[in-house]
N, C-alpha and C. Protein backbone atom coordinates (compact mmCIF):
# COMPACT_ATOMS: atom_id res chain seq x y z
N MET A 1 -18.60 -10.56 -5.07
CA MET A 1 -17.07 -10.45 -4.61
C MET A 1 -16.74 -11.61 -3.88
N ARG A 2 -15.91 -12.36 -4.04
CA ARG A 2 -14.98 -13.01 -2.92
C ARG A 2 -13.65 -12.55 -2.65
N PHE A 3 -13.43 -12.57 -1.39
CA PHE A 3 -12.00 -12.29 -0.89
C PHE A 3 -11.12 -13.47 -0.33
N PHE A 4 -9.80 -13.34 -0.77
CA PHE A 4 -9.18 -14.58 -0.09
C PHE A 4 -7.94 -13.69 0.23
N VAL A 5 -7.33 -14.28 1.43
CA VAL A 5 -6.03 -13.55 1.97
C VAL A 5 -5.07 -14.65 2.14
N GLY A 6 -3.90 -14.45 1.47
CA GLY A 6 -2.54 -15.10 1.60
C GLY A 6 -1.28 -14.17 1.31
N ASN A 7 -0.19 -14.62 0.74
CA ASN A 7 0.76 -13.81 0.29
C ASN A 7 1.05 -13.75 -1.04
N GLY A 8 2.01 -12.96 -1.46
CA GLY A 8 2.16 -12.85 -3.23
C GLY A 8 2.46 -14.03 -3.75
N SER A 9 3.35 -15.00 -3.19
CA SER A 9 3.51 -16.16 -4.00
C SER A 9 1.94 -17.04 -3.99
N GLN A 10 1.24 -16.96 -3.27
CA GLN A 10 0.08 -17.89 -3.27
C GLN A 10 -0.73 -17.61 -4.38
N PHE A 11 -0.74 -16.23 -4.84
CA PHE A 11 -1.37 -15.89 -5.73
C PHE A 11 -1.27 -15.36 -6.95
N GLU A 12 0.21 -15.78 -7.21
CA GLU A 12 1.14 -15.25 -8.38
C GLU A 12 0.47 -15.66 -9.95
N GLU A 13 -0.40 -16.68 -9.93
CA GLU A 13 -1.30 -17.47 -11.20
C GLU A 13 -2.21 -15.97 -11.36
N LYS A 14 -2.93 -15.84 -10.22
CA LYS A 14 -4.06 -14.66 -10.27
C LYS A 14 -3.28 -13.64 -10.83
N LEU A 15 -2.33 -12.97 -10.60
CA LEU A 15 -1.73 -11.69 -10.93
C LEU A 15 -1.25 -11.76 -12.04
N GLN A 16 -1.19 -12.78 -13.16
CA GLN A 16 -0.37 -12.97 -14.23
C GLN A 16 -0.89 -11.60 -15.22
N ASP A 17 -1.91 -11.13 -15.44
CA ASP A 17 -2.53 -10.27 -15.96
C ASP A 17 -2.25 -9.03 -15.29
N TYR A 18 -1.75 -8.49 -14.47
CA TYR A 18 -1.68 -7.51 -13.75
C TYR A 18 -0.64 -6.71 -14.24
N PRO A 19 -0.79 -5.21 -14.68
CA PRO A 19 0.53 -4.67 -15.16
C PRO A 19 1.63 -4.49 -14.32
N THR A 20 2.59 -4.32 -14.85
CA THR A 20 3.96 -4.08 -14.37
C THR A 20 3.79 -2.48 -14.16
N PRO A 21 4.58 -2.03 -12.89
CA PRO A 21 5.11 -2.64 -11.45
C PRO A 21 4.23 -2.98 -10.55
N TRP A 22 2.58 -3.12 -10.86
CA TRP A 22 1.98 -3.37 -10.00
C TRP A 22 1.73 -4.76 -9.63
N ALA A 23 2.03 -5.75 -10.52
CA ALA A 23 2.10 -7.55 -10.18
C ALA A 23 3.55 -7.60 -9.48
N ASP A 24 4.46 -6.91 -9.70
CA ASP A 24 5.86 -7.40 -8.81
C ASP A 24 5.48 -6.79 -7.47
N PHE A 25 4.92 -5.94 -7.06
CA PHE A 25 4.99 -5.44 -5.92
C PHE A 25 3.58 -6.10 -5.26
N LEU A 26 3.01 -6.58 -5.82
CA LEU A 26 1.92 -7.33 -5.20
C LEU A 26 2.44 -8.64 -5.12
N ARG A 27 3.07 -9.36 -5.71
CA ARG A 27 3.89 -10.69 -5.85
C ARG A 27 4.76 -10.68 -4.48
N ALA A 28 5.24 -9.45 -4.39
CA ALA A 28 6.13 -9.34 -3.13
C ALA A 28 5.70 -9.33 -1.65
N SER A 29 4.22 -9.32 -1.63
CA SER A 29 3.52 -9.06 -0.58
C SER A 29 3.77 -10.17 0.22
N ARG A 30 3.72 -9.82 1.60
CA ARG A 30 3.64 -10.86 2.87
C ARG A 30 2.40 -11.26 3.43
N ILE A 31 1.25 -10.18 3.15
CA ILE A 31 -0.06 -10.29 3.42
C ILE A 31 -0.77 -9.59 2.01
N LEU A 32 -1.66 -10.40 1.26
CA LEU A 32 -2.05 -10.03 0.27
C LEU A 32 -3.75 -10.51 0.39
N VAL A 33 -4.54 -9.34 -0.10
CA VAL A 33 -6.09 -9.72 -0.13
C VAL A 33 -6.36 -9.31 -1.44
N VAL A 34 -7.15 -10.28 -2.19
CA VAL A 34 -7.53 -10.53 -3.52
C VAL A 34 -8.92 -10.58 -3.77
N GLY A 35 -9.28 -9.60 -4.43
CA GLY A 35 -11.04 -9.71 -4.63
C GLY A 35 -11.14 -10.41 -6.17
N VAL A 36 -12.07 -11.41 -6.06
CA VAL A 36 -12.25 -12.08 -7.19
C VAL A 36 -13.66 -12.12 -7.55
N VAL A 37 -13.74 -11.90 -9.20
CA VAL A 37 -15.08 -12.08 -9.59
C VAL A 37 -15.23 -13.02 -10.77
N ASP A 38 -15.96 -14.19 -10.81
CA ASP A 38 -15.96 -15.12 -11.57
C ASP A 38 -14.62 -15.48 -12.05
N ASP A 39 -13.73 -16.10 -10.74
CA ASP A 39 -12.75 -16.16 -10.94
C ASP A 39 -11.63 -15.62 -11.58
N ASN A 40 -11.74 -14.55 -11.59
CA ASN A 40 -10.84 -13.21 -12.11
C ASN A 40 -10.58 -12.39 -10.86
N ALA A 41 -9.12 -12.30 -10.56
CA ALA A 41 -8.57 -11.72 -9.69
C ALA A 41 -8.74 -10.02 -10.25
N VAL A 42 -9.94 -9.14 -9.56
CA VAL A 42 -10.03 -7.96 -10.61
C VAL A 42 -9.42 -6.60 -9.48
N ALA A 43 -8.90 -7.42 -7.96
CA ALA A 43 -8.35 -6.17 -7.30
C ALA A 43 -7.82 -6.73 -6.83
N ALA A 44 -6.57 -6.24 -5.85
CA ALA A 44 -5.62 -6.73 -4.95
C ALA A 44 -5.08 -5.86 -3.98
N TYR A 45 -4.73 -5.95 -2.66
CA TYR A 45 -4.26 -5.19 -1.80
C TYR A 45 -3.30 -5.93 -0.97
N GLY A 46 -2.09 -5.37 -1.02
CA GLY A 46 -0.96 -5.99 -0.45
C GLY A 46 0.10 -5.12 0.64
N ILE A 47 0.90 -5.81 1.46
CA ILE A 47 1.71 -5.08 2.23
C ILE A 47 2.76 -5.97 2.07
N ARG A 48 4.20 -5.35 1.92
CA ARG A 48 5.29 -5.65 1.59
C ARG A 48 6.52 -4.97 2.35
N SER A 49 7.84 -5.90 2.48
CA SER A 49 8.78 -5.30 3.20
C SER A 49 8.62 -4.78 4.77
N MET A 50 9.52 -4.57 5.28
CA MET A 50 9.68 -4.20 6.54
C MET A 50 9.47 -2.97 7.11
N LEU A 51 9.12 -2.06 6.11
CA LEU A 51 8.32 -0.90 6.12
C LEU A 51 6.70 -0.83 5.90
N ASN A 52 6.19 -2.15 5.71
CA ASN A 52 4.94 -2.59 5.56
C ASN A 52 4.05 -1.47 4.63
N VAL A 53 5.04 -1.50 3.20
CA VAL A 53 4.64 -0.70 1.92
C VAL A 53 3.16 -1.44 1.54
N MET A 54 2.05 -0.56 1.47
CA MET A 54 1.10 -1.00 1.05
C MET A 54 1.03 -0.95 -0.60
N THR A 55 0.36 -1.24 -1.35
CA THR A 55 -0.13 -1.37 -2.65
C THR A 55 -1.52 -2.02 -2.90
N LEU A 56 -1.86 -1.40 -3.66
CA LEU A 56 -3.64 -1.35 -4.09
C LEU A 56 -3.44 -1.25 -5.79
N TYR A 57 -4.11 -2.14 -6.41
CA TYR A 57 -4.35 -2.10 -7.59
C TYR A 57 -5.97 -2.81 -8.03
N VAL A 58 -6.58 -1.87 -8.26
CA VAL A 58 -8.05 -2.27 -9.01
C VAL A 58 -8.32 -2.01 -10.49
N LYS A 59 -8.14 -2.93 -11.10
CA LYS A 59 -8.55 -3.02 -12.53
C LYS A 59 -9.66 -2.17 -13.03
N GLU A 60 -9.75 -1.67 -14.32
CA GLU A 60 -10.25 -0.62 -14.90
C GLU A 60 -11.71 -0.93 -14.60
N GLY A 61 -12.50 -1.68 -14.93
CA GLY A 61 -14.01 -1.72 -15.07
C GLY A 61 -14.25 -2.00 -13.64
N TYR A 62 -13.59 -2.09 -12.80
CA TYR A 62 -14.16 -2.07 -11.42
C TYR A 62 -13.99 -0.95 -10.38
N ARG A 63 -13.09 0.12 -10.98
CA ARG A 63 -12.83 1.10 -9.93
C ARG A 63 -14.29 1.64 -9.89
N GLY A 64 -14.07 2.64 -8.66
CA GLY A 64 -15.19 3.53 -8.13
C GLY A 64 -16.13 2.81 -7.58
N GLN A 65 -16.28 1.46 -7.28
CA GLN A 65 -17.57 0.52 -6.48
C GLN A 65 -17.15 0.69 -5.53
N GLY A 66 -15.98 1.11 -4.55
CA GLY A 66 -15.74 0.95 -3.34
C GLY A 66 -14.94 -0.60 -3.00
N ILE A 67 -14.55 -1.18 -3.99
CA ILE A 67 -13.66 -2.39 -3.62
C ILE A 67 -12.19 -2.20 -3.03
N GLY A 68 -11.85 -1.04 -3.20
CA GLY A 68 -10.57 -0.47 -2.96
C GLY A 68 -10.82 -0.50 -1.17
N ARG A 69 -11.77 0.25 -0.80
CA ARG A 69 -12.51 0.40 0.51
C ARG A 69 -12.62 -1.36 1.26
N GLN A 70 -12.88 -2.13 0.62
CA GLN A 70 -13.29 -3.38 0.91
C GLN A 70 -11.92 -3.90 1.46
N LEU A 71 -11.20 -3.93 0.13
CA LEU A 71 -9.77 -4.50 0.40
C LEU A 71 -9.24 -4.25 1.41
N TRP A 72 -9.36 -2.39 1.85
CA TRP A 72 -8.34 -1.91 2.79
C TRP A 72 -8.80 -2.27 4.07
N GLU A 73 -10.03 -2.30 4.35
CA GLU A 73 -10.40 -2.98 5.62
C GLU A 73 -10.25 -4.57 6.03
N LYS A 74 -10.03 -5.27 4.87
CA LYS A 74 -9.48 -6.42 5.08
C LYS A 74 -8.11 -6.57 5.39
N VAL A 75 -7.62 -5.87 4.61
CA VAL A 75 -5.90 -5.71 4.86
C VAL A 75 -5.63 -5.37 6.07
N TYR A 76 -6.25 -4.38 6.52
CA TYR A 76 -6.11 -3.81 7.78
C TYR A 76 -6.44 -4.62 8.86
N ASN A 77 -7.24 -5.24 8.91
CA ASN A 77 -7.92 -6.50 9.78
C ASN A 77 -6.85 -7.58 9.78
N VAL A 78 -6.60 -7.88 8.58
CA VAL A 78 -5.31 -9.08 8.93
C VAL A 78 -4.13 -8.67 9.52
N ALA A 79 -3.82 -7.76 9.15
CA ALA A 79 -2.27 -7.03 9.55
C ALA A 79 -2.43 -6.82 11.00
N ARG A 80 -3.51 -6.39 11.76
CA ARG A 80 -3.64 -6.37 13.07
C ARG A 80 -3.43 -7.66 13.63
N LYS A 81 -4.12 -8.41 13.02
CA LYS A 81 -4.12 -9.71 13.73
C LYS A 81 -2.85 -10.30 13.75
N GLN A 82 -2.08 -10.05 12.54
CA GLN A 82 -0.66 -10.59 12.65
C GLN A 82 0.49 -9.67 13.01
N ARG A 83 -0.20 -8.81 14.14
CA ARG A 83 0.81 -7.56 14.92
C ARG A 83 1.28 -7.10 13.93
N VAL A 84 0.88 -6.27 12.82
CA VAL A 84 1.55 -5.53 12.15
C VAL A 84 1.21 -3.98 12.76
N HIS A 85 2.20 -3.10 12.99
CA HIS A 85 1.89 -2.22 13.44
C HIS A 85 1.51 -0.44 13.20
N PHE A 86 1.82 -0.90 11.50
CA PHE A 86 1.61 0.91 10.51
C PHE A 86 1.78 0.26 9.43
N PHE A 87 1.24 1.01 8.46
CA PHE A 87 1.68 0.85 6.96
C PHE A 87 2.06 2.07 6.61
N THR A 88 2.93 1.69 4.99
CA THR A 88 3.73 3.27 4.84
C THR A 88 2.84 3.40 3.30
N GLY A 89 3.26 4.30 2.38
CA GLY A 89 2.81 3.90 0.93
C GLY A 89 3.11 5.62 0.46
N GLU A 90 2.69 5.89 -1.01
CA GLU A 90 2.60 6.64 -1.54
C GLU A 90 1.23 6.98 -2.09
N LEU A 91 0.89 7.97 -1.81
CA LEU A 91 -0.43 8.50 -2.51
C LEU A 91 -0.60 9.48 -3.14
N PRO A 92 -1.19 9.69 -4.48
CA PRO A 92 -1.07 10.35 -5.57
C PRO A 92 -1.82 11.76 -5.02
N PHE A 93 -1.58 13.12 -5.12
CA PHE A 93 -2.14 14.35 -4.46
C PHE A 93 -3.43 14.18 -4.92
N GLN A 94 -3.70 13.70 -5.99
CA GLN A 94 -5.38 13.81 -6.55
C GLN A 94 -6.34 12.76 -5.57
N HIS A 95 -5.91 12.20 -5.02
CA HIS A 95 -6.56 11.04 -4.15
C HIS A 95 -6.19 11.66 -2.53
N LEU A 96 -5.69 12.70 -2.18
CA LEU A 96 -5.53 13.06 -0.63
C LEU A 96 -7.27 13.45 -0.23
N HIS A 97 -7.85 14.35 -1.34
CA HIS A 97 -9.27 14.85 -0.83
C HIS A 97 -10.40 14.27 -1.40
N SER A 98 -10.14 12.92 -2.07
CA SER A 98 -11.15 11.75 -2.45
C SER A 98 -11.59 11.10 -1.54
N LYS A 99 -12.48 10.41 -1.87
CA LYS A 99 -13.36 9.61 -0.49
C LYS A 99 -12.19 8.66 0.18
N TYR A 100 -11.58 7.95 -0.79
CA TYR A 100 -10.07 7.15 -0.48
C TYR A 100 -9.21 8.07 0.32
N GLY A 101 -8.78 9.28 -0.01
CA GLY A 101 -7.90 9.68 1.15
C GLY A 101 -8.38 10.10 2.40
N LEU A 102 -9.63 10.39 2.24
CA LEU A 102 -10.74 11.10 3.66
C LEU A 102 -10.81 9.53 4.67
N LEU A 103 -11.11 8.51 4.07
CA LEU A 103 -11.16 6.98 4.60
C LEU A 103 -9.65 6.92 5.40
N LEU A 104 -8.75 6.85 4.27
CA LEU A 104 -7.26 6.91 5.06
C LEU A 104 -7.15 7.97 6.51
N PHE A 105 -7.11 8.91 5.90
CA PHE A 105 -6.89 10.07 7.10
C PHE A 105 -8.09 10.12 8.34
N SER A 106 -9.42 10.00 7.99
CA SER A 106 -10.31 10.24 9.03
C SER A 106 -10.66 9.35 10.13
N GLU A 107 -10.58 8.07 9.06
CA GLU A 107 -10.89 6.75 9.94
C GLU A 107 -9.72 5.89 10.35
N TYR A 108 -8.71 5.98 9.84
CA TYR A 108 -7.40 5.42 10.28
C TYR A 108 -6.40 6.20 10.41
N GLY A 109 -6.40 7.57 10.90
CA GLY A 109 -5.18 8.34 11.32
C GLY A 109 -3.89 8.36 10.39
N CYS A 110 -4.16 8.21 9.26
CA CYS A 110 -2.82 7.91 8.38
C CYS A 110 -2.40 9.72 8.47
N ARG A 111 -1.22 9.94 8.23
CA ARG A 111 -0.46 11.16 8.37
C ARG A 111 0.59 11.24 7.19
N VAL A 112 0.53 12.34 6.80
CA VAL A 112 1.43 12.73 5.51
C VAL A 112 2.88 12.84 6.23
N MET A 113 3.89 12.23 5.69
CA MET A 113 5.15 12.21 6.56
C MET A 113 5.98 13.41 5.38
N LYS A 114 5.91 13.27 3.94
CA LYS A 114 6.71 14.02 3.20
C LYS A 114 5.76 14.27 1.71
N ARG A 115 5.86 15.35 1.19
CA ARG A 115 5.38 15.73 -0.15
C ARG A 115 6.44 16.01 -0.98
N PHE A 116 5.91 15.23 -2.19
CA PHE A 116 7.09 14.93 -3.45
C PHE A 116 6.27 15.74 -4.55
N ASP A 117 6.80 17.19 -4.48
CA ASP A 117 6.13 17.90 -5.71
C ASP A 117 6.54 17.46 -7.20
N LYS A 118 7.51 16.99 -7.42
CA LYS A 118 8.16 16.83 -8.79
C LYS A 118 6.95 15.00 -9.48
N SER A 119 6.96 14.56 -8.11
CA SER A 119 6.28 13.11 -8.67
C SER A 119 4.39 13.20 -8.30
N LYS A 120 4.26 14.27 -7.90
CA LYS A 120 2.82 14.98 -7.50
C LYS A 120 2.23 14.03 -6.12
N THR A 121 3.03 13.27 -5.52
CA THR A 121 2.60 12.38 -4.51
C THR A 121 2.99 12.80 -3.26
N VAL A 122 2.65 12.01 -2.01
CA VAL A 122 3.00 12.37 -0.74
C VAL A 122 3.20 10.78 -0.35
N LEU A 123 4.23 10.58 0.78
CA LEU A 123 4.77 9.75 1.57
C LEU A 123 3.46 9.67 2.85
N ILE A 124 3.09 8.23 3.11
CA ILE A 124 1.93 8.57 4.15
C ILE A 124 2.44 7.24 4.86
N MET A 125 1.94 7.43 6.03
CA MET A 125 2.11 6.51 7.27
C MET A 125 0.83 6.34 8.33
N CYS A 126 0.33 5.29 8.14
CA CYS A 126 -0.97 5.03 8.86
C CYS A 126 -0.40 4.18 10.40
N PRO A 127 -0.32 4.82 11.29
CA PRO A 127 -0.08 3.81 12.34
C PRO A 127 -1.38 3.32 13.16
N PHE A 128 -1.30 2.40 13.62
CA PHE A 128 -2.85 1.83 14.43
C PHE A 128 -2.62 0.85 15.57
N THR A 129 -0.97 1.52 15.87
CA THR A 129 -0.89 0.78 17.27
C THR A 129 0.08 1.89 18.38
N ILE A 130 0.14 1.98 19.48
CA ILE A 130 1.08 2.53 19.98
C ILE A 130 2.34 2.55 19.74
N GLU A 131 2.81 1.32 18.94
CA GLU A 131 4.30 0.75 18.68
C GLU A 131 4.23 1.47 16.94
N GLY A 132 3.21 1.59 16.49
CA GLY A 132 3.32 2.25 15.49
C GLY A 132 3.24 3.42 15.27
N GLY A 133 2.59 4.30 16.34
CA GLY A 133 2.23 5.76 16.61
C GLY A 133 3.91 6.20 16.93
N ILE A 134 4.75 5.32 17.56
CA ILE A 134 6.29 5.70 18.07
C ILE A 134 6.97 5.65 16.51
N PHE A 135 6.89 4.73 15.90
CA PHE A 135 7.48 4.60 14.52
C PHE A 135 7.20 5.80 13.72
N CYS A 136 5.85 6.20 14.03
CA CYS A 136 5.44 7.23 12.91
C CYS A 136 6.21 8.62 13.53
N ALA A 137 6.41 8.79 14.98
CA ALA A 137 7.04 10.27 15.19
C ALA A 137 8.40 10.13 14.80
N PHE A 138 8.90 9.02 14.95
CA PHE A 138 10.54 8.76 14.65
C PHE A 138 10.49 8.96 12.75
N LEU A 139 9.71 8.38 12.18
CA LEU A 139 9.66 8.44 10.70
C LEU A 139 9.76 10.17 10.39
N ARG A 140 8.66 10.98 10.96
CA ARG A 140 8.39 12.20 10.57
C ARG A 140 9.76 13.25 11.16
N ILE A 141 10.09 13.30 11.98
CA ILE A 141 11.88 13.44 12.32
C ILE A 141 12.54 13.47 11.50
N ILE A 142 13.06 12.14 10.91
CA ILE A 142 13.63 11.75 9.68
C ILE A 142 13.61 12.36 8.38
N CYS A 143 11.96 12.53 8.19
CA CYS A 143 11.61 13.03 6.86
C CYS A 143 11.88 14.42 7.07
N SER A 144 11.65 15.07 8.22
CA SER A 144 11.88 16.57 8.20
C SER A 144 13.40 17.25 7.85
N MET A 145 14.39 15.95 8.19
CA MET A 145 15.75 16.15 8.04
C MET A 145 16.16 16.09 6.85
N ILE A 146 15.58 15.29 5.95
CA ILE A 146 16.28 14.99 4.54
C ILE A 146 15.23 15.70 3.70
N PRO A 147 15.99 16.29 2.58
CA PRO A 147 15.20 17.05 1.66
C PRO A 147 14.53 16.14 0.57
N ALA A 148 13.38 16.70 0.17
CA ALA A 148 12.27 15.72 -0.56
C ALA A 148 13.17 15.18 -1.67
N GLU A 149 13.89 15.62 -2.28
CA GLU A 149 14.58 14.88 -3.63
C GLU A 149 15.56 13.91 -3.55
N LEU A 150 16.03 13.78 -2.23
CA LEU A 150 16.91 12.30 -1.76
C LEU A 150 15.90 11.50 -1.09
N LEU A 151 15.02 12.27 -0.42
CA LEU A 151 14.05 10.89 0.08
C LEU A 151 13.39 10.36 -1.02
N ARG A 152 13.11 11.18 -1.83
CA ARG A 152 12.47 10.51 -3.32
C ARG A 152 13.08 9.41 -3.57
N GLN A 153 14.59 9.45 -3.75
CA GLN A 153 15.60 8.82 -4.30
C GLN A 153 15.61 7.61 -3.51
N ILE A 154 15.32 7.69 -2.28
CA ILE A 154 15.50 6.57 -1.11
C ILE A 154 14.22 5.76 -1.47
N THR A 155 12.91 6.45 -1.30
CA THR A 155 12.05 5.59 -1.22
C THR A 155 11.98 4.73 -2.71
N ASP A 156 12.50 5.53 -3.86
CA ASP A 156 12.63 4.67 -5.27
C ASP A 156 13.35 3.52 -5.22
N TRP A 157 14.52 3.74 -4.22
CA TRP A 157 15.62 2.60 -4.41
C TRP A 157 14.61 1.40 -3.37
N LEU A 158 14.12 1.80 -2.35
CA LEU A 158 13.56 0.81 -1.40
C LEU A 158 12.53 0.20 -2.56
N SER A 159 11.78 0.69 -3.01
CA SER A 159 10.56 0.07 -3.98
C SER A 159 11.01 -0.90 -4.64
N LYS A 160 12.25 -0.34 -5.28
CA LYS A 160 12.67 -1.23 -6.28
C LYS A 160 13.23 -2.68 -5.78
N ARG A 161 13.91 -2.07 -4.14
CA ARG A 161 14.38 -3.56 -3.66
C ARG A 161 13.33 -4.44 -3.27
N THR A 162 12.42 -3.89 -3.06
CA THR A 162 11.17 -4.79 -2.24
C THR A 162 10.23 -5.25 -3.50
N ARG A 163 10.48 -5.18 -4.86
CA ARG A 163 9.41 -5.61 -5.87
C ARG A 163 9.83 -7.10 -5.84
N SER A 164 9.21 -8.13 -6.38
CA SER A 164 9.41 -9.34 -6.65
C SER A 164 10.62 -9.60 -7.79
N LYS A 165 11.46 -10.30 -7.73
CA LYS A 165 11.85 -10.25 -8.34
C LYS A 165 12.21 -10.71 -9.99
N ARG A 166 10.72 -11.58 -10.09
CA ARG A 166 10.32 -11.97 -11.13
C ARG A 166 9.96 -10.74 -12.07
N GLY A 167 10.40 -10.61 -13.12
CA GLY A 167 9.96 -9.22 -13.69
C GLY A 167 10.42 -8.24 -13.82
N CYS A 168 11.46 -8.20 -12.84
CA CYS A 168 12.47 -6.91 -12.51
C CYS A 168 13.60 -6.64 -13.67
């Protein structure tokens, strides 16, 4: 597998066969790492918006092979070089105790900010600089003051606002 780094608009052609909304999220990425096998983009990991929302998509036949972890490490390294201080994202409950979840929480210090029981997801934040840690503490305070259902609506709204305009 080869990995290519750029942004969502640079890889728009390679993302054409990705399902919606994943393709829209990835096209909007300011940092995007694409894993390619035989000129086929089989996986992509991107960061979009001012909240550094992370999006990962691995095609069906390639899941469970460690590709997501390789993409995470590449995105993490590129983001640090570009002085990104943290990532945010949503993680399904089932991934909290998976190898992927354990990687995020043990090796990269990700923290659960809020639990969304209706959608069975958690809002996570992964700070990796002092500035990111400060923002994480600020976000944790805000999340503790906002009811989960209202915060869910806010995160859904932000997610829609940060998708690529194409296909929305």
